[in-house]
C-alpha atoms as a PDB file:
ATOM      1  CA  MET A   1       7.242 276.307   1.914  1.00  0.00           C
ATOM      2  CA  ALA A   2       8.229 272.832   4.070  1.00  0.00           C
ATOM      3  CA  SER A   3      11.543 274.691   6.054  1.00  0.00           C
ATOM      4  CA  GLU A   4       8.771 277.453   7.598  1.00  0.00           C
ATOM      5  CA  VAL A   5       6.472 274.690   8.557  1.00  0.00           C
ATOM      6  CA  ASN A   6       9.036 273.052  10.094  1.00  0.00           C
ATOM      7  CA  ALA A   7      10.218 275.828  11.486  1.00  0.00           C
ATOM      8  CA  ALA A   8       7.094 276.732  12.989  1.00  0.00           C
ATOM      9  CA  ALA A   9       6.167 273.255  14.575  1.00  0.00           C
ATOM     10  CA  GLU A  10       9.513 274.036  16.247  1.00  0.00           C
ATOM     11  CA  ALA A  11       9.252 277.557  17.999  1.00  0.00           C
ATOM     12  CA  PRO A  12       6.616 276.362  20.514  1.00  0.00           C
ATOM     13  CA  PRO A  13       9.885 273.880  22.468  1.00  0.00           C
ATOM     14  CA  ARG A  14      11.968 276.672  22.256  1.00  0.00           C
ATOM     15  CA  LEU A  15       8.812 278.574  24.005  1.00  0.00           C
ATOM     16  CA  ALA A  16       8.373 276.277  26.541  1.00  0.00           C
ATOM     17  CA  GLY A  17      11.702 275.401  27.521  1.00  0.00           C
ATOM     18  CA  ARG A  18      12.138 279.619  27.767  1.00  0.00           C
ATOM     19  CA  GLY A  19       9.271 279.494  30.608  1.00  0.00           C
ATOM     20  CA  ALA A  20      10.874 276.017  32.075  1.00  0.00           C
ATOM     21  CA  ALA A  21      13.846 278.053  32.263  1.00  0.00           C
ATOM     22  CA  GLN A  22      12.252 281.131  33.394  1.00  0.00           C
ATOM     23  CA  THR A  23      10.381 278.595  36.169  1.00  0.00           C
ATOM     24  CA  ARG A  24      13.757 276.711  37.155  1.00  0.00           C
ATOM     25  CA  SER A  25      15.283 279.978  38.183  1.00  0.00           C
ATOM     26  CA  ARG A  26      12.407 281.006  40.418  1.00  0.00           C
ATOM     27  CA  PRO A  27      12.909 278.764  42.710  1.00  0.00           C
ATOM     28  CA  LEU A  28      16.718 279.397  42.582  1.00  0.00           C
ATOM     29  CA  PHE A  29      16.359 283.144  43.526  1.00  0.00           C
ATOM     30  CA  GLY A  30      13.640 282.107  46.683  1.00  0.00           C
ATOM     31  CA  GLU A  31      16.685 279.989  48.188  1.00  0.00           C
ATOM     32  CA  ARG A  32      18.735 283.028  47.473  1.00  0.00           C
ATOM     33  CA  ARG A  33      16.687 285.140  49.161  1.00  0.00           C
ATOM     34  CA  ASP A  34      16.453 282.900  52.284  1.00  0.00           C
ATOM     35  CA  TRP A  35      19.639 282.211  53.007  1.00  0.00           C
ATOM     36  CA  LEU A  36      19.773 286.053  52.789  1.00  0.00           C
ATOM     37  CA  LEU A  37      17.327 286.751  55.228  1.00  0.00           C
ATOM     38  CA  ARG A  38      18.409 284.449  57.759  1.00  0.00           C
ATOM     39  CA  LEU A  39      21.941 285.705  56.870  1.00  0.00           C
ATOM     40  CA  ALA A  40      20.597 288.919  57.928  1.00  0.00           C
ATOM     41  CA  LYS A  41      19.189 288.374  61.569  1.00  0.00           C
ATOM     42  CA  LEU A  42      22.525 287.105  62.426  1.00  0.00           C
ATOM     43  CA  LEU A  43      23.636 290.316  61.672  1.00  0.00           C
ATOM     44  CA  PRO A  44      23.026 291.950  65.047  1.00  0.00           C
ATOM     45  CA  PHE A  45      24.695 288.960  66.934  1.00  0.00           C
ATOM     46  CA  LEU A  46      28.084 290.135  65.169  1.00  0.00           C
ATOM     47  CA  VAL A  47      27.573 293.731  65.690  1.00  0.00           C
ATOM     48  CA  ILE A  48      27.386 293.488  68.992  1.00  0.00           C
ATOM     49  CA  PHE A  49      30.336 290.153  69.272  1.00  0.00           C
ATOM     50  CA  VAL A  50      32.561 292.848  67.264  1.00  0.00           C
ATOM     51  CA  ALA A  51      31.499 296.189  68.888  1.00  0.00           C
ATOM     52  CA  TRP A  52      31.420 293.996  72.729  1.00  0.00           C
ATOM     53  CA  GLN A  53      35.571 292.681  71.493  1.00  0.00           C
ATOM     54  CA  TRP A  54      36.370 296.372  69.932  1.00  0.00           C
ATOM     55  CA  ALA A  55      35.199 297.744  73.955  1.00  0.00           C
ATOM     56  CA  SER A  56      36.671 295.088  75.700  1.00  0.00           C
ATOM     57  CA  ASP A  57      40.423 295.444  73.988  1.00  0.00           C
ATOM     58  CA  SER A  58      40.205 299.405  73.884  1.00  0.00           C
ATOM     59  CA  GLY A  59      39.412 299.712  77.563  1.00  0.00           C
ATOM     60  CA  ALA A  60      36.200 301.327  77.122  1.00  0.00           C
ATOM     61  CA  ILE A  61      34.610 298.781  79.372  1.00  0.00           C
ATOM     62  CA  SER A  62      36.857 296.944  82.300  1.00  0.00           C
ATOM     63  CA  PRO A  63      37.041 293.191  81.352  1.00  0.00           C
ATOM     64  CA  VAL A  64      37.008 292.247  85.033  1.00  0.00           C
ATOM     65  CA  PHE A  65      33.431 292.858  84.784  1.00  0.00           C
ATOM     66  CA  TYR A  66      31.875 292.300  81.257  1.00  0.00           C
ATOM     67  CA  SER A  67      35.213 289.675  80.205  1.00  0.00           C
ATOM     68  CA  SER A  68      35.164 290.033  76.385  1.00  0.00           C
ATOM     69  CA  PRO A  69      33.522 287.567  73.625  1.00  0.00           C
ATOM     70  CA  LEU A  70      36.922 285.699  72.487  1.00  0.00           C
ATOM     71  CA  ALA A  71      37.153 284.273  76.544  1.00  0.00           C
ATOM     72  CA  ILE A  72      33.877 283.690  76.809  1.00  0.00           C
ATOM     73  CA  LEU A  73      33.805 280.953  73.714  1.00  0.00           C
ATOM     74  CA  GLU A  74      37.602 280.162  75.181  1.00  0.00           C
ATOM     75  CA  SER A  75      36.003 279.048  79.030  1.00  0.00           C
ATOM     76  CA  LEU A  76      33.551 277.131  77.104  1.00  0.00           C
ATOM     77  CA  TRP A  77      35.469 274.894  74.759  1.00  0.00           C
ATOM     78  CA  GLN A  78      37.731 274.734  77.793  1.00  0.00           C
ATOM     79  CA  TRP A  79      34.499 273.255  80.296  1.00  0.00           C
ATOM     80  CA  TYR A  80      32.607 271.148  77.334  1.00  0.00           C
ATOM     81  CA  SER A  81      35.548 270.290  75.788  1.00  0.00           C
ATOM     82  CA  SER A  82      36.987 268.756  79.670  1.00  0.00           C
ATOM     83  CA  GLY A  83      33.710 267.862  80.844  1.00  0.00           C
ATOM     84  CA  ARG A  84      34.064 269.816  83.978  1.00  0.00           C
ATOM     85  CA  ILE A  85      30.652 271.567  82.931  1.00  0.00           C
ATOM     86  CA  LEU A  86      28.947 267.703  82.665  1.00  0.00           C
ATOM     87  CA  PRO A  87      27.605 267.494  86.156  1.00  0.00           C
ATOM     88  CA  HIS A  88      26.668 271.019  86.485  1.00  0.00           C
ATOM     89  CA  LEU A  89      24.430 270.988  82.916  1.00  0.00           C
ATOM     90  CA  LEU A  90      23.079 267.621  83.907  1.00  0.00           C
ATOM     91  CA  ALA A  91      22.217 268.457  87.254  1.00  0.00           C
ATOM     92  CA  THR A  92      20.237 271.337  85.539  1.00  0.00           C
ATOM     93  CA  VAL A  93      18.571 269.145  83.062  1.00  0.00           C
ATOM     94  CA  LEU A  94      17.184 267.280  85.904  1.00  0.00           C
ATOM     95  CA  GLU A  95      15.657 269.393  86.964  1.00  0.00           C
ATOM     96  CA  LEU A  96      14.186 271.205  84.449  1.00  0.00           C
ATOM     97  CA  ALA A  97      13.452 267.723  83.263  1.00  0.00           C
ATOM     98  CA  ILE A  98      11.097 266.619  86.854  1.00  0.00           C
ATOM     99  CA  GLY A  99       9.919 270.371  87.580  1.00  0.00           C
ATOM    100  CA  LEU A 100       8.963 271.051  84.043  1.00  0.00           C
ATOM    101  CA  THR A 101       6.842 267.141  83.891  1.00  0.00           C
ATOM    102  CA  LEU A 102       4.814 267.838  86.955  1.00  0.00           C
ATOM    103  CA  ALA A 103       4.043 270.567  86.453  1.00  0.00           C
ATOM    104  CA  THR A 104       2.176 269.663  82.571  1.00  0.00           C
ATOM    105  CA  VAL A 105       1.193 267.231  84.407  1.00  0.00           C
ATOM    106  CA  ILE A 106      -0.530 269.062  87.465  1.00  0.00           C
ATOM    107  CA  GLY A 107      -1.108 272.040  84.520  1.00  0.00           C
ATOM    108  CA  LEU A 108      -3.200 269.705  82.796  1.00  0.00           C
ATOM    109  CA  VAL A 109      -4.970 267.939  85.254  1.00  0.00           C
ATOM    110  CA  LEU A 110      -6.225 270.733  86.977  1.00  0.00           C
ATOM    111  CA  GLY A 111      -7.068 272.602  83.518  1.00  0.00           C
ATOM    112  CA  ILE A 112      -8.832 269.936  82.510  1.00  0.00           C
ATOM    113  CA  TRP A 113     -10.964 269.868  86.128  1.00  0.00           C
ATOM    114  CA  VAL A 114     -11.309 273.992  86.168  1.00  0.00           C
ATOM    115  CA  GLY A 115     -12.609 274.373  82.819  1.00  0.00           C
ATOM    116  CA  TRP A 116     -14.778 271.996  82.597  1.00  0.00           C
ATOM    117  CA  SER A 117     -16.807 272.245  86.467  1.00  0.00           C
ATOM    118  CA  ARG A 118     -17.771 275.565  86.790  1.00  0.00           C
ATOM    119  CA  THR A 119     -18.367 274.321  90.686  1.00  0.00           C
ATOM    120  CA  ALA A 120     -14.607 274.053  90.435  1.00  0.00           C
ATOM    121  CA  ASN A 121     -13.685 276.775  88.846  1.00  0.00           C
ATOM    122  CA  ASP A 122     -15.535 279.404  91.504  1.00  0.00           C
ATOM    123  CA  MET A 123     -13.930 277.514  93.986  1.00  0.00           C
ATOM    124  CA  ALA A 124     -10.650 277.456  92.906  1.00  0.00           C
ATOM    125  CA  SER A 125     -10.030 280.820  90.609  1.00  0.00           C
ATOM    126  CA  PRO A 126      -9.514 282.955  93.544  1.00  0.00           C
ATOM    127  CA  VAL A 127      -7.348 280.531  95.532  1.00  0.00           C
ATOM    128  CA  LEU A 128      -5.314 280.034  92.044  1.00  0.00           C
ATOM    129  CA  VAL A 129      -5.372 283.706  91.776  1.00  0.00           C
ATOM    130  CA  PHE A 130      -3.286 284.425  95.012  1.00  0.00           C
ATOM    131  CA  LEU A 131      -0.582 282.062  94.667  1.00  0.00           C
ATOM    132  CA  TYR A 132      -0.021 283.172  91.400  1.00  0.00           C
ATOM    133  CA  SER A 133       0.154 286.684  92.381  1.00  0.00           C
ATOM    134  CA  VAL A 134       2.810 285.701  95.227  1.00  0.00           C
ATOM    135  CA  PRO A 135       6.839 286.566  94.317  1.00  0.00           C
ATOM    136  CA  VAL A 136       7.740 282.957  94.332  1.00  0.00           C
ATOM    137  CA  ILE A 137      11.696 283.875  94.118  1.00  0.00           C
ATOM    138  CA  ALA A 138      11.218 286.826  97.061  1.00  0.00           C
ATOM    139  CA  VAL A 139      10.208 283.444  99.122  1.00  0.00           C
ATOM    140  CA  GLY A 140      13.047 281.365  97.851  1.00  0.00           C
ATOM    141  CA  PRO A 141      14.712 281.415 100.912  1.00  0.00           C
ATOM    142  CA  VAL A 142      11.848 280.335 103.505  1.00  0.00           C
ATOM    143  CA  LEU A 143      11.193 277.078 100.659  1.00  0.00           C
ATOM    144  CA  ALA A 144      15.046 277.071 101.405  1.00  0.00           C
ATOM    145  CA  LEU A 145      14.208 276.942 104.945  1.00  0.00           C
ATOM    146  CA  VAL A 146      11.656 274.198 104.836  1.00  0.00           C
ATOM    147  CA  LEU A 147      12.680 272.298 101.524  1.00  0.00           C
ATOM    148  CA  GLY A 148      16.339 272.190 102.802  1.00  0.00           C
ATOM    149  CA  ILE A 149      19.792 271.425 100.996  1.00  0.00           C
ATOM    150  CA  GLY A 150      19.757 269.686  97.604  1.00  0.00           C
ATOM    151  CA  MET A 151      17.511 268.925  94.267  1.00  0.00           C
ATOM    152  CA  ILE A 152      14.150 269.188  95.297  1.00  0.00           C
ATOM    153  CA  MET A 153      14.655 273.340  96.315  1.00  0.00           C
ATOM    154  CA  PRO A 154      15.349 273.853  92.603  1.00  0.00           C
ATOM    155  CA  VAL A 155      12.781 271.909  91.389  1.00  0.00           C
ATOM    156  CA  ALA A 156      10.673 273.146  93.897  1.00  0.00           C
ATOM    157  CA  LEU A 157      10.835 275.955  92.572  1.00  0.00           C
ATOM    158  CA  ILE A 158      10.347 275.293  88.810  1.00  0.00           C
ATOM    159  CA  LEU A 159       7.049 273.712  89.371  1.00  0.00           C
ATOM    160  CA  LEU A 160       5.944 276.367  91.019  1.00  0.00           C
ATOM    161  CA  LEU A 161       6.723 278.867  88.669  1.00  0.00           C
ATOM    162  CA  ALA A 162       6.166 276.225  85.573  1.00  0.00           C
ATOM    163  CA  VAL A 163       2.287 274.855  86.492  1.00  0.00           C
ATOM    164  CA  PHE A 164      -0.145 278.704  86.519  1.00  0.00           C
ATOM    165  CA  PRO A 165       0.465 279.696  82.859  1.00  0.00           C
ATOM    166  CA  ILE A 166       0.004 275.420  82.182  1.00  0.00           C
ATOM    167  CA  LEU A 167      -2.890 275.495  84.114  1.00  0.00           C
ATOM    168  CA  PHE A 168      -4.695 278.743  82.430  1.00  0.00           C
ATOM    169  CA  ALA A 169      -3.513 277.489  79.177  1.00  0.00           C
ATOM    170  CA  VAL A 170      -5.371 274.576  79.412  1.00  0.00           C
ATOM    171  CA  GLU A 171      -8.111 276.035  81.238  1.00  0.00           C
ATOM    172  CA  ALA A 172      -8.669 278.500  78.356  1.00  0.00           C
ATOM    173  CA  GLY A 173      -7.868 275.824  76.033  1.00  0.00           C
ATOM    174  CA  VAL A 174     -10.953 273.557  77.626  1.00  0.00           C
ATOM    175  CA  ARG A 175     -13.875 276.964  76.688  1.00  0.00           C
ATOM    176  CA  THR A 176     -13.258 276.844  72.963  1.00  0.00           C
ATOM    177  CA  ALA A 177     -13.905 273.067  72.950  1.00  0.00           C
ATOM    178  CA  PRO A 178     -16.830 273.229  70.947  1.00  0.00           C
ATOM    179  CA  HIS A 179     -20.524 272.817  72.755  1.00  0.00           C
ATOM    180  CA  ASP A 180     -21.543 271.251  69.676  1.00  0.00           C
ATOM    181  CA  LEU A 181     -19.455 268.179  70.205  1.00  0.00           C
ATOM    182  CA  ILE A 182     -19.927 268.243  73.577  1.00  0.00           C
ATOM    183  CA  ARG A 183     -23.954 267.998  72.803  1.00  0.00           C
ATOM    184  CA  MET A 184     -24.023 265.723  70.306  1.00  0.00           C
ATOM    185  CA  ALA A 185     -21.657 263.987  72.412  1.00  0.00           C
ATOM    186  CA  ARG A 186     -24.549 263.978  75.044  1.00  0.00           C
ATOM    187  CA  HIS A 187     -26.631 262.877  73.261  1.00  0.00           C
ATOM    188  CA  PHE A 188     -25.114 259.814  72.661  1.00  0.00           C
ATOM    189  CA  GLY A 189     -24.771 258.716  75.573  1.00  0.00           C
ATOM    190  CA  ALA A 190     -20.989 259.893  76.575  1.00  0.00           C
ATOM    191  CA  SER A 191     -19.804 259.356  79.662  1.00  0.00           C
ATOM    192  CA  ASP A 192     -18.229 263.279  81.411  1.00  0.00           C
ATOM    193  CA  GLY A 193     -14.549 260.688  81.455  1.00  0.00           C
ATOM    194  CA  GLN A 194     -15.358 260.045  77.527  1.00  0.00           C
ATOM    195  CA  ILE A 195     -15.726 263.587  76.785  1.00  0.00           C
ATOM    196  CA  ILE A 196     -12.891 264.746  78.310  1.00  0.00           C
ATOM    197  CA  ARG A 197     -11.080 262.502  76.494  1.00  0.00           C
ATOM    198  CA  THR A 198     -12.330 263.194  73.296  1.00  0.00           C
ATOM    199  CA  VAL A 199     -13.388 266.455  72.534  1.00  0.00           C
ATOM    200  CA  LEU A 200     -11.663 268.411  76.000  1.00  0.00           C
ATOM    201  CA  LEU A 201      -8.334 266.982  75.697  1.00  0.00           C
ATOM    202  CA  PRO A 202      -8.030 267.492  72.466  1.00  0.00           C
ATOM    203  CA  ALA A 203      -9.020 271.262  72.413  1.00  0.00           C
ATOM    204  CA  ALA A 204      -6.942 271.785  75.212  1.00  0.00           C
ATOM    205  CA  VAL A 205      -3.653 269.912  73.902  1.00  0.00           C
ATOM    206  CA  PRO A 206      -3.152 272.896  71.563  1.00  0.00           C
ATOM    207  CA  TYR A 207      -3.279 275.502  73.993  1.00  0.00           C
ATOM    208  CA  LEU A 208      -1.001 273.441  76.404  1.00  0.00           C
ATOM    209  CA  ALA A 209       1.849 273.961  73.943  1.00  0.00           C
ATOM    210  CA  GLY A 210       1.247 277.813  74.497  1.00  0.00           C
ATOM    211  CA  GLY A 211       1.368 277.745  77.934  1.00  0.00           C
ATOM    212  CA  LEU A 212       4.457 274.816  77.833  1.00  0.00           C
ATOM    213  CA  MET A 213       6.455 278.108  76.061  1.00  0.00           C
ATOM    214  CA  VAL A 214       5.723 281.040  78.289  1.00  0.00           C
ATOM    215  CA  SER A 215       6.417 278.627  81.704  1.00  0.00           C
ATOM    216  CA  ILE A 216       9.861 277.763  79.840  1.00  0.00           C
ATOM    217  CA  GLY A 217      11.466 281.298  81.052  1.00  0.00           C
ATOM    218  CA  ARG A 218      10.119 281.016  83.873  1.00  0.00           C
ATOM    219  CA  ALA A 219      11.402 276.767  84.745  1.00  0.00           C
ATOM    220  CA  MET A 220      14.773 278.652  83.779  1.00  0.00           C
ATOM    221  CA  ALA A 221      14.374 281.349  86.516  1.00  0.00           C
ATOM    222  CA  GLY A 222      13.482 278.355  89.051  1.00  0.00           C
ATOM    223  CA  ALA A 223      16.167 276.610  88.150  1.00  0.00           C
ATOM    224  CA  VAL A 224      18.904 279.375  88.535  1.00  0.00           C
ATOM    225  CA  VAL A 225      17.530 280.669  91.819  1.00  0.00           C
ATOM    226  CA  GLY A 226      16.968 276.854  93.144  1.00  0.00           C
ATOM    227  CA  GLU A 227      20.304 276.356  92.299  1.00  0.00           C
ATOM    228  CA  TRP A 228      21.606 278.915  94.144  1.00  0.00           C
ATOM    229  CA  LEU A 229      19.588 278.656  96.861  1.00  0.00           C
ATOM    230  CA  ALA A 230      20.256 275.435  98.305  1.00  0.00           C
ATOM    231  CA  SER A 231      22.538 273.980  95.997  1.00  0.00           C
ATOM    232  CA  SER A 232      26.446 272.477  94.845  1.00  0.00           C
ATOM    233  CA  THR A 233      25.808 271.673  91.744  1.00  0.00           C
ATOM    234  CA  GLY A 234      23.886 273.125  88.406  1.00  0.00           C
ATOM    235  CA  LEU A 235      24.535 275.903  86.133  1.00  0.00           C
ATOM    236  CA  GLY A 236      22.639 278.037  88.550  1.00  0.00           C
ATOM    237  CA  SER A 237      25.707 277.399  91.213  1.00  0.00           C
ATOM    238  CA  LEU A 238      28.087 277.899  89.510  1.00  0.00           C
ATOM    239  CA  ILE A 239      27.332 280.868  88.236  1.00  0.00           C
ATOM    240  CA  PHE A 240      26.955 282.762  90.852  1.00  0.00           C
ATOM    241  CA  THR A 241      30.093 280.921  92.949  1.00  0.00           C
ATOM    242  CA  SER A 242      31.651 282.187  89.609  1.00  0.00           C
ATOM    243  CA  ALA A 243      30.658 285.775  90.360  1.00  0.00           C
ATOM    244  CA  ALA A 244      32.197 285.759  93.884  1.00  0.00           C
ATOM    245  CA  ILE A 245      35.390 285.184  93.402  1.00  0.00           C
ATOM    246  CA  PHE A 246      35.662 286.974  89.863  1.00  0.00           C
ATOM    247  CA  GLU A 247      35.751 284.207  87.583  1.00  0.00           C
ATOM    248  CA  THR A 248      33.761 286.926  85.131  1.00  0.00           C
ATOM    249  CA  LYS A 249      33.903 284.653  81.210  1.00  0.00           C
ATOM    250  CA  THR A 250      32.846 281.330  83.438  1.00  0.00           C
ATOM    251  CA  VAL A 251      29.797 283.437  84.533  1.00  0.00           C
ATOM    252  CA  TYR A 252      28.587 283.876  81.221  1.00  0.00           C
ATOM    253  CA  MET A 253      30.113 280.623  79.909  1.00  0.00           C
ATOM    254  CA  ALA A 254      27.361 279.307  82.369  1.00  0.00           C
ATOM    255  CA  ALA A 255      24.639 282.415  81.352  1.00  0.00           C
ATOM    256  CA  PHE A 256      25.332 281.768  77.593  1.00  0.00           C
ATOM    257  CA  SER A 257      25.170 277.742  78.859  1.00  0.00           C
ATOM    258  CA  ILE A 258      21.089 278.177  80.489  1.00  0.00           C
ATOM    259  CA  VAL A 259      19.887 280.051  77.528  1.00  0.00           C
ATOM    260  CA  GLY A 260      21.257 277.663  74.777  1.00  0.00           C
ATOM    261  CA  LEU A 261      19.353 275.023  77.179  1.00  0.00           C
ATOM    262  CA  SER A 262      16.432 277.792  76.363  1.00  0.00           C
ATOM    263  CA  LEU A 263      16.604 277.558  73.087  1.00  0.00           C
ATOM    264  CA  LEU A 264      16.517 273.807  72.744  1.00  0.00           C
ATOM    265  CA  LEU A 265      13.532 273.896  74.683  1.00  0.00           C
ATOM    266  CA  SER A 266      11.664 276.369  72.658  1.00  0.00           C
ATOM    267  CA  LEU A 267      12.525 274.434  69.316  1.00  0.00           C
ATOM    268  CA  SER A 268      11.402 270.751  71.232  1.00  0.00           C
ATOM    269  CA  VAL A 269       7.397 272.802  72.472  1.00  0.00           C
ATOM    270  CA  GLY A 270       7.548 274.122  68.757  1.00  0.00           C
ATOM    271  CA  ALA A 271       8.030 271.515  67.044  1.00  0.00           C
ATOM    272  CA  PHE A 272       5.280 269.602  69.512  1.00  0.00           C
ATOM    273  CA  GLU A 273       2.261 272.756  68.976  1.00  0.00           C
ATOM    274  CA  ARG A 274       2.511 271.908  65.261  1.00  0.00           C
ATOM    275  CA  TRP A 275       1.948 268.333  66.053  1.00  0.00           C
ATOM    276  CA  THR A 276      -0.837 269.088  68.553  1.00  0.00           C
ATOM    277  CA  GLN A 277      -2.349 271.377  65.157  1.00  0.00           C
ATOM    278  CA  LYS A 278      -4.297 268.092  64.074  1.00  0.00           C
ATOM    279  CA  TRP A 279      -5.697 267.633  67.844  1.00  0.00           C
ATOM    280  CA  ARG A 280      -8.111 269.903  67.191  1.00  0.00           C
ATOM    281  CA  PRO A 281     -11.824 269.101  67.131  1.00  0.00           C
END
């Protein structure tokens, strides 16, 4: 009888232990599934890599125009390990930093102003829509004649292409600011500056991140075209000078470097966007 009582007393811990083991196994299965999903995302790139290399080796495509993945990787290693890429890479990064900073500041200020003031909106909206509709890339040669040769041309193109998505995004964010908070702030005697700082700016900053995400691709296009038209350094200039002498693998190397910069900027803006969620009023 005593042995049965002891067996019954020991039964719950064994059940609890089995349940705990099952509970511990679930996170492991979940982790394994996450890794499989990540690997599955890389599968299309692997297929493209293998198919591209096979087509180049077999002569199905001309390596003069399309190069091959292995040749591009070799070119990447040569340019980056020797440091030859640094002048071009640093020039493009500096142009992007200046252009995107100016676009962010101008877009934020104008977006808040146009979104907050009905008079400013009525006056500025037709002008902004007109300027946004102008094909900036098409008038690039004219800008090159006006601005001259050097870094100012790519920076100007980056600014003109990147500022409008930021401006329109901030304007939309200002319009979503809670009117109850604005009325409450007015009731307690807050000035326009205090309302902008404590209500409108927190409402606009999360939208600013969305505008920045759209502006990254446009800024990259502005940098490449600006360097092609009016600069002897930069990844865009390297692409066009290499294409002129049929250095195809160098063209792809510079293009993939631009893609890498875009990914880094997108990840940075994504982190900024997650951080700004706490700003929502």
